[in-house]
Amino acid sequence: MVSNGQNLPMQQYLPKNLSAIWNDVKDYLRIRKELFKLMALEKAFKIMADLVTNTLVLLSLLMAFLASAITLAFYLSYLLNSYTKGFGCATIFFTIVAFLISWKKSAVEKFIAGIAVKRYFEKHCEAQEEKEKLAAAAEEKEADDGDQEKPWQKYAAEQTDMNKHEA
């Protein structure tokens, strides 16, 4: 019985032993775990950033609405020559707007939900398109590398050449 396998033409030389393959598997799993952690952190920070920016936008819009309401009240006060009448008209106007919004609440909710969903899917699609581009680039690179000889193939060819020279 031949222990090194050099005299058997059908047997191919395997460049790594079982412990090296096991170490590669452990390294692969460790890297995948680290990648998972980093991807989870990235998503968490994206959500936090989105939450902070949305809160700031909402506060800015609220401040702008308040400032425009006060401006409208003062302008109406100027036109009516009375602060009471001007602020009263502005109050009545905003009360009517509030009643209209509460009356058409379902339509307003659908509109706001549509904007939120559209924004989410735009962000999601951008991320998905980026992943698809990376996958396409990796496939291209793999196709280019497919023409080249793999390291284990080179090693096996070298071993075969060495066996021929020894014989």
N, C-alpha and C. Protein backbone atom coordinates (compact mmCIF):
# COMPACT_ATOMS: atom_id res chain seq x y z
N MET A 1 0.85 -1.18 0.00
CA MET A 1 0.00 0.00 0.00
C MET A 1 0.89 1.23 0.00
N VAL A 2 0.52 2.19 -0.83
CA VAL A 2 1.30 3.41 -0.98
C VAL A 2 0.69 4.47 -0.08
N SER A 3 1.51 5.08 0.75
CA SER A 3 0.97 6.05 1.73
C SER A 3 0.96 7.47 1.20
N ASN A 4 1.88 7.81 0.27
CA ASN A 4 1.92 9.20 -0.16
C ASN A 4 1.10 9.47 -1.41
N GLY A 5 0.63 8.45 -2.09
CA GLY A 5 -0.25 8.61 -3.23
C GLY A 5 0.44 9.06 -4.49
N GLN A 6 1.75 9.08 -4.56
CA GLN A 6 2.45 9.55 -5.75
C GLN A 6 2.37 8.55 -6.89
N ASN A 7 2.22 7.29 -6.61
CA ASN A 7 2.20 6.27 -7.65
C ASN A 7 0.79 6.04 -8.20
N LEU A 8 -0.20 6.68 -7.63
CA LEU A 8 -1.57 6.49 -8.10
C LEU A 8 -1.93 7.66 -9.03
N PRO A 9 -2.08 7.42 -10.33
CA PRO A 9 -2.33 8.51 -11.27
C PRO A 9 -3.73 9.12 -11.11
N MET A 10 -4.70 8.38 -10.63
CA MET A 10 -6.07 8.89 -10.52
C MET A 10 -6.26 9.78 -9.28
N GLN A 11 -5.40 9.63 -8.32
CA GLN A 11 -5.54 10.40 -7.09
C GLN A 11 -4.93 11.78 -7.26
N GLN A 12 -5.68 12.82 -6.88
CA GLN A 12 -5.17 14.18 -6.96
C GLN A 12 -4.63 14.59 -5.61
N TYR A 13 -3.62 15.43 -5.65
CA TYR A 13 -3.02 15.92 -4.41
C TYR A 13 -3.90 17.02 -3.85
N LEU A 14 -4.25 16.95 -2.59
CA LEU A 14 -5.00 17.99 -1.91
C LEU A 14 -4.02 18.86 -1.15
N PRO A 15 -4.01 20.17 -1.42
CA PRO A 15 -3.01 21.04 -0.82
C PRO A 15 -3.17 21.26 0.68
N LYS A 16 -4.36 21.03 1.23
CA LYS A 16 -4.57 21.32 2.65
C LYS A 16 -5.03 20.05 3.36
N ASN A 17 -4.62 19.94 4.58
CA ASN A 17 -5.10 18.82 5.37
C ASN A 17 -6.37 19.23 6.11
N LEU A 18 -6.95 18.34 6.83
CA LEU A 18 -8.23 18.56 7.49
C LEU A 18 -8.15 19.68 8.53
N SER A 19 -7.08 19.77 9.27
CA SER A 19 -6.98 20.82 10.30
C SER A 19 -6.88 22.20 9.66
N ALA A 20 -6.22 22.30 8.52
CA ALA A 20 -6.14 23.59 7.83
C ALA A 20 -7.51 24.00 7.31
N ILE A 21 -8.26 23.03 6.80
CA ILE A 21 -9.61 23.32 6.32
C ILE A 21 -10.50 23.73 7.50
N TRP A 22 -10.38 23.04 8.63
CA TRP A 22 -11.16 23.39 9.82
C TRP A 22 -10.82 24.81 10.27
N ASN A 23 -9.55 25.18 10.24
CA ASN A 23 -9.15 26.54 10.61
C ASN A 23 -9.73 27.56 9.64
N ASP A 24 -9.76 27.21 8.35
CA ASP A 24 -10.37 28.10 7.36
C ASP A 24 -11.86 28.28 7.63
N VAL A 25 -12.53 27.19 7.99
CA VAL A 25 -13.96 27.27 8.30
C VAL A 25 -14.20 28.14 9.52
N LYS A 26 -13.38 27.97 10.56
CA LYS A 26 -13.52 28.80 11.76
C LYS A 26 -13.28 30.27 11.44
N ASP A 27 -12.24 30.55 10.62
CA ASP A 27 -11.98 31.94 10.23
C ASP A 27 -13.15 32.50 9.43
N TYR A 28 -13.69 31.69 8.53
CA TYR A 28 -14.83 32.12 7.73
C TYR A 28 -16.02 32.46 8.61
N LEU A 29 -16.32 31.58 9.57
CA LEU A 29 -17.44 31.82 10.48
C LEU A 29 -17.21 33.06 11.35
N ARG A 30 -15.97 33.25 11.80
CA ARG A 30 -15.65 34.43 12.60
C ARG A 30 -15.85 35.70 11.77
N ILE A 31 -15.42 35.67 10.52
CA ILE A 31 -15.56 36.83 9.65
C ILE A 31 -17.03 37.09 9.35
N ARG A 32 -17.81 36.02 9.11
CA ARG A 32 -19.25 36.19 8.86
C ARG A 32 -19.95 36.78 10.08
N LYS A 33 -19.54 36.35 11.28
CA LYS A 33 -20.13 36.88 12.51
C LYS A 33 -19.81 38.37 12.63
N GLU A 34 -18.57 38.73 12.36
CA GLU A 34 -18.16 40.13 12.41
C GLU A 34 -18.92 40.95 11.37
N LEU A 35 -19.08 40.40 10.18
CA LEU A 35 -19.83 41.07 9.12
C LEU A 35 -21.27 41.29 9.54
N PHE A 36 -21.88 40.27 10.16
CA PHE A 36 -23.25 40.39 10.63
C PHE A 36 -23.38 41.51 11.67
N LYS A 37 -22.43 41.55 12.60
CA LYS A 37 -22.44 42.60 13.64
C LYS A 37 -22.33 43.98 13.00
N LEU A 38 -21.42 44.12 12.04
CA LEU A 38 -21.22 45.41 11.40
C LEU A 38 -22.44 45.83 10.58
N MET A 39 -23.06 44.86 9.90
CA MET A 39 -24.26 45.18 9.13
C MET A 39 -25.40 45.59 10.06
N ALA A 40 -25.53 44.91 11.20
CA ALA A 40 -26.57 45.26 12.17
C ALA A 40 -26.31 46.66 12.74
N LEU A 41 -25.06 46.97 13.05
CA LEU A 41 -24.73 48.31 13.53
C LEU A 41 -25.02 49.36 12.47
N GLU A 42 -24.69 49.06 11.24
CA GLU A 42 -24.94 50.01 10.16
C GLU A 42 -26.44 50.30 10.04
N LYS A 43 -27.26 49.24 10.07
CA LYS A 43 -28.71 49.45 9.97
C LYS A 43 -29.23 50.22 11.18
N ALA A 44 -28.73 49.91 12.37
CA ALA A 44 -29.18 50.62 13.56
C ALA A 44 -28.82 52.11 13.48
N PHE A 45 -27.60 52.40 13.04
CA PHE A 45 -27.21 53.80 12.93
C PHE A 45 -27.97 54.52 11.81
N LYS A 46 -28.29 53.81 10.75
CA LYS A 46 -29.11 54.43 9.69
C LYS A 46 -30.49 54.78 10.22
N ILE A 47 -31.07 53.87 11.00
CA ILE A 47 -32.39 54.12 11.58
C ILE A 47 -32.33 55.29 12.55
N MET A 48 -31.28 55.32 13.38
CA MET A 48 -31.14 56.44 14.33
C MET A 48 -30.94 57.75 13.59
N ALA A 49 -30.12 57.75 12.56
CA ALA A 49 -29.88 58.97 11.79
C ALA A 49 -31.16 59.43 11.12
N ASP A 50 -31.92 58.48 10.58
CA ASP A 50 -33.18 58.83 9.94
C ASP A 50 -34.16 59.40 10.96
N LEU A 51 -34.19 58.81 12.14
CA LEU A 51 -35.08 59.29 13.19
C LEU A 51 -34.71 60.71 13.63
N VAL A 52 -33.43 60.95 13.82
CA VAL A 52 -32.97 62.28 14.23
C VAL A 52 -33.28 63.32 13.15
N THR A 53 -32.97 62.99 11.89
CA THR A 53 -33.22 63.96 10.83
C THR A 53 -34.71 64.22 10.65
N ASN A 54 -35.53 63.15 10.75
CA ASN A 54 -36.98 63.35 10.63
C ASN A 54 -37.51 64.21 11.77
N THR A 55 -36.99 64.00 12.98
CA THR A 55 -37.40 64.82 14.12
C THR A 55 -37.02 66.28 13.92
N LEU A 56 -35.80 66.51 13.44
CA LEU A 56 -35.37 67.89 13.19
C LEU A 56 -36.20 68.55 12.10
N VAL A 57 -36.52 67.80 11.05
CA VAL A 57 -37.36 68.35 9.97
C VAL A 57 -38.74 68.67 10.51
N LEU A 58 -39.30 67.77 11.30
CA LEU A 58 -40.62 68.01 11.87
C LEU A 58 -40.62 69.24 12.79
N LEU A 59 -39.60 69.36 13.63
CA LEU A 59 -39.51 70.54 14.50
C LEU A 59 -39.35 71.82 13.68
N SER A 60 -38.57 71.76 12.64
CA SER A 60 -38.38 72.94 11.78
C SER A 60 -39.68 73.33 11.10
N LEU A 61 -40.41 72.33 10.61
CA LEU A 61 -41.70 72.62 9.99
C LEU A 61 -42.69 73.19 11.01
N LEU A 62 -42.67 72.67 12.21
CA LEU A 62 -43.55 73.17 13.26
C LEU A 62 -43.21 74.63 13.60
N MET A 63 -41.92 74.92 13.68
CA MET A 63 -41.50 76.31 13.97
C MET A 63 -41.89 77.23 12.81
N ALA A 64 -41.71 76.76 11.58
CA ALA A 64 -42.09 77.57 10.42
C ALA A 64 -43.60 77.81 10.41
N PHE A 65 -44.37 76.78 10.73
CA PHE A 65 -45.83 76.93 10.78
C PHE A 65 -46.24 77.93 11.86
N LEU A 66 -45.60 77.81 13.01
CA LEU A 66 -45.90 78.75 14.10
C LEU A 66 -45.55 80.19 13.71
N ALA A 67 -44.40 80.36 13.10
CA ALA A 67 -43.98 81.70 12.68
C ALA A 67 -44.92 82.25 11.61
N SER A 68 -45.33 81.40 10.67
CA SER A 68 -46.24 81.89 9.63
C SER A 68 -47.62 82.19 10.21
N ALA A 69 -48.06 81.42 11.20
CA ALA A 69 -49.34 81.69 11.85
C ALA A 69 -49.31 83.03 12.57
N ILE A 70 -48.22 83.30 13.27
CA ILE A 70 -48.10 84.59 13.97
C ILE A 70 -48.02 85.73 12.96
N THR A 71 -47.28 85.50 11.87
CA THR A 71 -47.17 86.52 10.83
C THR A 71 -48.53 86.80 10.21
N LEU A 72 -49.29 85.74 9.91
CA LEU A 72 -50.63 85.91 9.36
C LEU A 72 -51.51 86.68 10.34
N ALA A 73 -51.41 86.34 11.62
CA ALA A 73 -52.22 87.03 12.63
C ALA A 73 -51.87 88.52 12.69
N PHE A 74 -50.59 88.85 12.66
CA PHE A 74 -50.20 90.26 12.69
C PHE A 74 -50.60 90.98 11.40
N TYR A 75 -50.51 90.28 10.26
CA TYR A 75 -50.91 90.92 9.00
C TYR A 75 -52.41 91.21 9.00
N LEU A 76 -53.19 90.22 9.45
CA LEU A 76 -54.63 90.45 9.54
C LEU A 76 -54.94 91.56 10.55
N SER A 77 -54.19 91.64 11.63
CA SER A 77 -54.37 92.71 12.61
C SER A 77 -54.09 94.06 11.96
N TYR A 78 -53.09 94.13 11.12
CA TYR A 78 -52.74 95.36 10.42
C TYR A 78 -53.87 95.76 9.46
N LEU A 79 -54.42 94.77 8.72
CA LEU A 79 -55.49 95.06 7.76
C LEU A 79 -56.78 95.46 8.46
N LEU A 80 -57.08 94.84 9.59
CA LEU A 80 -58.34 95.11 10.31
C LEU A 80 -58.19 96.20 11.37
N ASN A 81 -56.99 96.71 11.56
CA ASN A 81 -56.71 97.76 12.54
C ASN A 81 -57.07 97.34 13.97
N SER A 82 -56.94 96.03 14.26
CA SER A 82 -57.23 95.54 15.60
C SER A 82 -56.51 94.21 15.81
N TYR A 83 -55.74 94.17 16.89
CA TYR A 83 -55.04 92.91 17.20
C TYR A 83 -56.05 91.81 17.50
N THR A 84 -57.10 92.12 18.18
CA THR A 84 -58.09 91.13 18.56
C THR A 84 -58.74 90.52 17.33
N LYS A 85 -59.15 91.39 16.38
CA LYS A 85 -59.79 90.88 15.17
C LYS A 85 -58.80 90.08 14.31
N GLY A 86 -57.58 90.54 14.21
CA GLY A 86 -56.56 89.85 13.40
C GLY A 86 -56.24 88.47 13.95
N PHE A 87 -55.96 88.42 15.24
CA PHE A 87 -55.66 87.12 15.85
C PHE A 87 -56.89 86.22 15.89
N GLY A 88 -58.07 86.81 16.03
CA GLY A 88 -59.32 86.05 16.01
C GLY A 88 -59.56 85.42 14.65
N CYS A 89 -59.34 86.19 13.59
CA CYS A 89 -59.50 85.64 12.22
C CYS A 89 -58.48 84.53 11.95
N ALA A 90 -57.25 84.72 12.39
CA ALA A 90 -56.22 83.68 12.21
C ALA A 90 -56.61 82.42 12.97
N THR A 91 -57.15 82.58 14.17
CA THR A 91 -57.59 81.44 14.97
C THR A 91 -58.74 80.72 14.28
N ILE A 92 -59.70 81.48 13.76
CA ILE A 92 -60.82 80.86 13.05
C ILE A 92 -60.33 80.11 11.81
N PHE A 93 -59.38 80.71 11.07
CA PHE A 93 -58.83 80.06 9.87
C PHE A 93 -58.17 78.73 10.23
N PHE A 94 -57.33 78.73 11.26
CA PHE A 94 -56.64 77.49 11.63
C PHE A 94 -57.60 76.47 12.26
N THR A 95 -58.65 76.93 12.90
CA THR A 95 -59.66 76.02 13.44
C THR A 95 -60.40 75.33 12.28
N ILE A 96 -60.74 76.10 11.24
CA ILE A 96 -61.40 75.51 10.06
C ILE A 96 -60.48 74.48 9.40
N VAL A 97 -59.19 74.81 9.28
CA VAL A 97 -58.23 73.87 8.70
C VAL A 97 -58.15 72.60 9.55
N ALA A 98 -58.14 72.75 10.86
CA ALA A 98 -58.09 71.58 11.75
C ALA A 98 -59.35 70.72 11.59
N PHE A 99 -60.53 71.34 11.49
CA PHE A 99 -61.76 70.58 11.28
C PHE A 99 -61.75 69.86 9.94
N LEU A 100 -61.25 70.51 8.89
CA LEU A 100 -61.17 69.87 7.58
C LEU A 100 -60.23 68.66 7.61
N ILE A 101 -59.12 68.81 8.29
CA ILE A 101 -58.17 67.70 8.39
C ILE A 101 -58.78 66.56 9.19
N SER A 102 -59.47 66.85 10.29
CA SER A 102 -60.09 65.77 11.07
C SER A 102 -61.25 65.14 10.30
N TRP A 103 -61.95 65.91 9.47
CA TRP A 103 -63.04 65.39 8.66
C TRP A 103 -62.51 64.43 7.58
N LYS A 104 -61.40 64.80 6.96
CA LYS A 104 -60.77 63.98 5.91
C LYS A 104 -59.55 63.23 6.47
N LYS A 105 -59.67 62.78 7.71
CA LYS A 105 -58.54 62.16 8.39
C LYS A 105 -57.98 60.96 7.64
N SER A 106 -58.85 60.09 7.12
CA SER A 106 -58.36 58.88 6.42
C SER A 106 -57.58 59.26 5.16
N ALA A 107 -58.03 60.27 4.43
CA ALA A 107 -57.31 60.69 3.22
C ALA A 107 -55.95 61.29 3.59
N VAL A 108 -55.91 62.06 4.68
CA VAL A 108 -54.65 62.66 5.12
C VAL A 108 -53.69 61.57 5.59
N GLU A 109 -54.21 60.58 6.34
CA GLU A 109 -53.37 59.48 6.80
C GLU A 109 -52.81 58.69 5.63
N LYS A 110 -53.65 58.41 4.61
CA LYS A 110 -53.18 57.70 3.43
C LYS A 110 -52.10 58.49 2.71
N PHE A 111 -52.28 59.81 2.62
CA PHE A 111 -51.30 60.66 1.96
C PHE A 111 -49.96 60.62 2.69
N ILE A 112 -50.01 60.79 4.01
CA ILE A 112 -48.78 60.79 4.80
C ILE A 112 -48.13 59.41 4.78
N ALA A 113 -48.93 58.35 4.90
CA ALA A 113 -48.39 56.99 4.85
C ALA A 113 -47.77 56.71 3.48
N GLY A 114 -48.41 57.20 2.42
CA GLY A 114 -47.87 57.03 1.08
C GLY A 114 -46.51 57.69 0.93
N ILE A 115 -46.37 58.87 1.49
CA ILE A 115 -45.07 59.56 1.44
C ILE A 115 -44.03 58.77 2.22
N ALA A 116 -44.40 58.31 3.41
CA ALA A 116 -43.45 57.56 4.25
C ALA A 116 -43.03 56.25 3.57
N VAL A 117 -44.00 55.53 3.02
CA VAL A 117 -43.70 54.25 2.37
C VAL A 117 -42.85 54.49 1.12
N LYS A 118 -43.18 55.51 0.35
CA LYS A 118 -42.40 55.83 -0.85
C LYS A 118 -40.96 56.16 -0.48
N ARG A 119 -40.79 56.93 0.57
CA ARG A 119 -39.44 57.30 1.00
C ARG A 119 -38.66 56.06 1.47
N TYR A 120 -39.32 55.17 2.21
CA TYR A 120 -38.67 53.96 2.69
C TYR A 120 -38.23 53.10 1.51
N PHE A 121 -39.13 52.89 0.55
CA PHE A 121 -38.79 52.02 -0.58
C PHE A 121 -37.74 52.65 -1.49
N GLU A 122 -37.73 53.97 -1.59
CA GLU A 122 -36.66 54.62 -2.36
C GLU A 122 -35.31 54.33 -1.71
N LYS A 123 -35.23 54.44 -0.39
CA LYS A 123 -33.99 54.14 0.32
C LYS A 123 -33.64 52.66 0.18
N HIS A 124 -34.66 51.80 0.33
CA HIS A 124 -34.42 50.36 0.25
C HIS A 124 -33.97 49.97 -1.16
N CYS A 125 -34.60 50.56 -2.17
CA CYS A 125 -34.23 50.24 -3.56
C CYS A 125 -32.82 50.71 -3.88
N GLU A 126 -32.44 51.87 -3.34
CA GLU A 126 -31.07 52.35 -3.56
C GLU A 126 -30.07 51.36 -2.97
N ALA A 127 -30.34 50.88 -1.77
CA ALA A 127 -29.44 49.91 -1.14
C ALA A 127 -29.44 48.60 -1.93
N GLN A 128 -30.62 48.17 -2.41
CA GLN A 128 -30.71 46.94 -3.18
C GLN A 128 -29.97 47.07 -4.50
N GLU A 129 -30.10 48.23 -5.17
CA GLU A 129 -29.40 48.45 -6.43
C GLU A 129 -27.88 48.43 -6.22
N GLU A 130 -27.44 49.01 -5.10
CA GLU A 130 -26.01 49.01 -4.79
C GLU A 130 -25.51 47.58 -4.59
N LYS A 131 -26.29 46.76 -3.88
CA LYS A 131 -25.91 45.37 -3.67
C LYS A 131 -25.86 44.62 -5.00
N GLU A 132 -26.83 44.89 -5.88
CA GLU A 132 -26.85 44.22 -7.18
C GLU A 132 -25.65 44.63 -8.03
N LYS A 133 -25.26 45.90 -7.96
CA LYS A 133 -24.08 46.35 -8.69
C LYS A 133 -22.82 45.66 -8.18
N LEU A 134 -22.71 45.54 -6.85
CA LEU A 134 -21.56 44.86 -6.27
C LEU A 134 -21.54 43.38 -6.67
N ALA A 135 -22.72 42.75 -6.67
CA ALA A 135 -22.79 41.34 -7.07
C ALA A 135 -22.41 41.17 -8.54
N ALA A 136 -22.87 42.09 -9.39
CA ALA A 136 -22.52 42.02 -10.81
C ALA A 136 -21.02 42.21 -11.01
N ALA A 137 -20.44 43.13 -10.26
CA ALA A 137 -18.99 43.36 -10.36
C ALA A 137 -18.23 42.13 -9.89
N ALA A 138 -18.71 41.49 -8.83
CA ALA A 138 -18.05 40.28 -8.33
C ALA A 138 -18.17 39.14 -9.35
N GLU A 139 -19.33 39.03 -10.00
CA GLU A 139 -19.50 37.99 -11.02
C GLU A 139 -18.57 38.25 -12.21
N GLU A 140 -18.44 39.53 -12.60
CA GLU A 140 -17.53 39.87 -13.69
C GLU A 140 -16.10 39.48 -13.33
N LYS A 141 -15.69 39.81 -12.12
CA LYS A 141 -14.34 39.50 -11.67
C LYS A 141 -14.14 38.00 -11.64
N GLU A 142 -15.15 37.28 -11.16
CA GLU A 142 -15.06 35.83 -11.10
C GLU A 142 -14.98 35.24 -12.50
N ALA A 143 -15.72 35.81 -13.45
CA ALA A 143 -15.66 35.33 -14.83
C ALA A 143 -14.27 35.60 -15.42
N ASP A 144 -13.69 36.76 -15.10
CA ASP A 144 -12.35 37.07 -15.57
C ASP A 144 -11.32 36.13 -14.95
N ASP A 145 -11.52 35.82 -13.67
CA ASP A 145 -10.59 34.93 -12.97
C ASP A 145 -10.78 33.47 -13.38
N GLY A 146 -11.94 33.16 -13.96
CA GLY A 146 -12.22 31.79 -14.36
C GLY A 146 -11.27 31.29 -15.43
N ASP A 147 -10.75 32.20 -16.23
CA ASP A 147 -9.81 31.82 -17.28
C ASP A 147 -8.44 31.50 -16.71
N GLN A 148 -8.14 32.04 -15.55
CA GLN A 148 -6.83 31.83 -14.95
C GLN A 148 -6.82 30.51 -14.17
N GLU A 149 -5.63 29.97 -14.02
CA GLU A 149 -5.48 28.73 -13.30
C GLU A 149 -5.55 28.99 -11.80
N LYS A 150 -6.29 28.17 -11.09
CA LYS A 150 -6.44 28.31 -9.64
C LYS A 150 -5.15 27.88 -8.94
N PRO A 151 -4.91 28.39 -7.72
CA PRO A 151 -3.68 28.05 -7.01
C PRO A 151 -3.49 26.56 -6.79
N TRP A 152 -4.58 25.86 -6.44
CA TRP A 152 -4.43 24.42 -6.19
C TRP A 152 -4.15 23.67 -7.49
N GLN A 153 -4.67 24.23 -8.62
CA GLN A 153 -4.37 23.60 -9.90
C GLN A 153 -2.88 23.79 -10.25
N LYS A 154 -2.36 24.97 -9.95
CA LYS A 154 -0.94 25.22 -10.19
C LYS A 154 -0.09 24.28 -9.35
N TYR A 155 -0.47 24.12 -8.07
CA TYR A 155 0.29 23.27 -7.16
C TYR A 155 0.26 21.82 -7.63
N ALA A 156 -0.91 21.36 -8.05
CA ALA A 156 -1.04 19.98 -8.52
C ALA A 156 -0.21 19.78 -9.79
N ALA A 157 -0.20 20.79 -10.67
CA ALA A 157 0.60 20.69 -11.90
C ALA A 157 2.09 20.64 -11.56
N GLU A 158 2.50 21.45 -10.58
CA GLU A 158 3.90 21.45 -10.16
C GLU A 158 4.29 20.09 -9.60
N GLN A 159 3.39 19.52 -8.78
CA GLN A 159 3.67 18.21 -8.19
C GLN A 159 3.78 17.14 -9.28
N THR A 160 2.91 17.24 -10.27
CA THR A 160 2.95 16.28 -11.37
C THR A 160 4.26 16.42 -12.15
N ASP A 161 4.67 17.67 -12.42
CA ASP A 161 5.93 17.91 -13.12
C ASP A 161 7.11 17.37 -12.32
N MET A 162 7.08 17.57 -11.00
CA MET A 162 8.17 17.10 -10.15
C MET A 162 8.24 15.57 -10.17
N ASN A 163 7.08 14.92 -10.17
CA ASN A 163 7.03 13.45 -10.22
C ASN A 163 7.59 12.93 -11.54
N LYS A 164 7.31 13.65 -12.63
CA LYS A 164 7.80 13.24 -13.92
C LYS A 164 9.32 13.37 -13.98
N HIS A 165 9.86 14.44 -13.42
CA HIS A 165 11.31 14.68 -13.44
C HIS A 165 12.05 13.67 -12.56
N GLU A 166 11.40 13.25 -11.45
CA GLU A 166 12.03 12.28 -10.55
C GLU A 166 12.09 10.89 -11.19
N ALA A 167 11.12 10.59 -12.04
CA ALA A 167 11.04 9.25 -12.62
C ALA A 167 11.99 9.04 -13.77
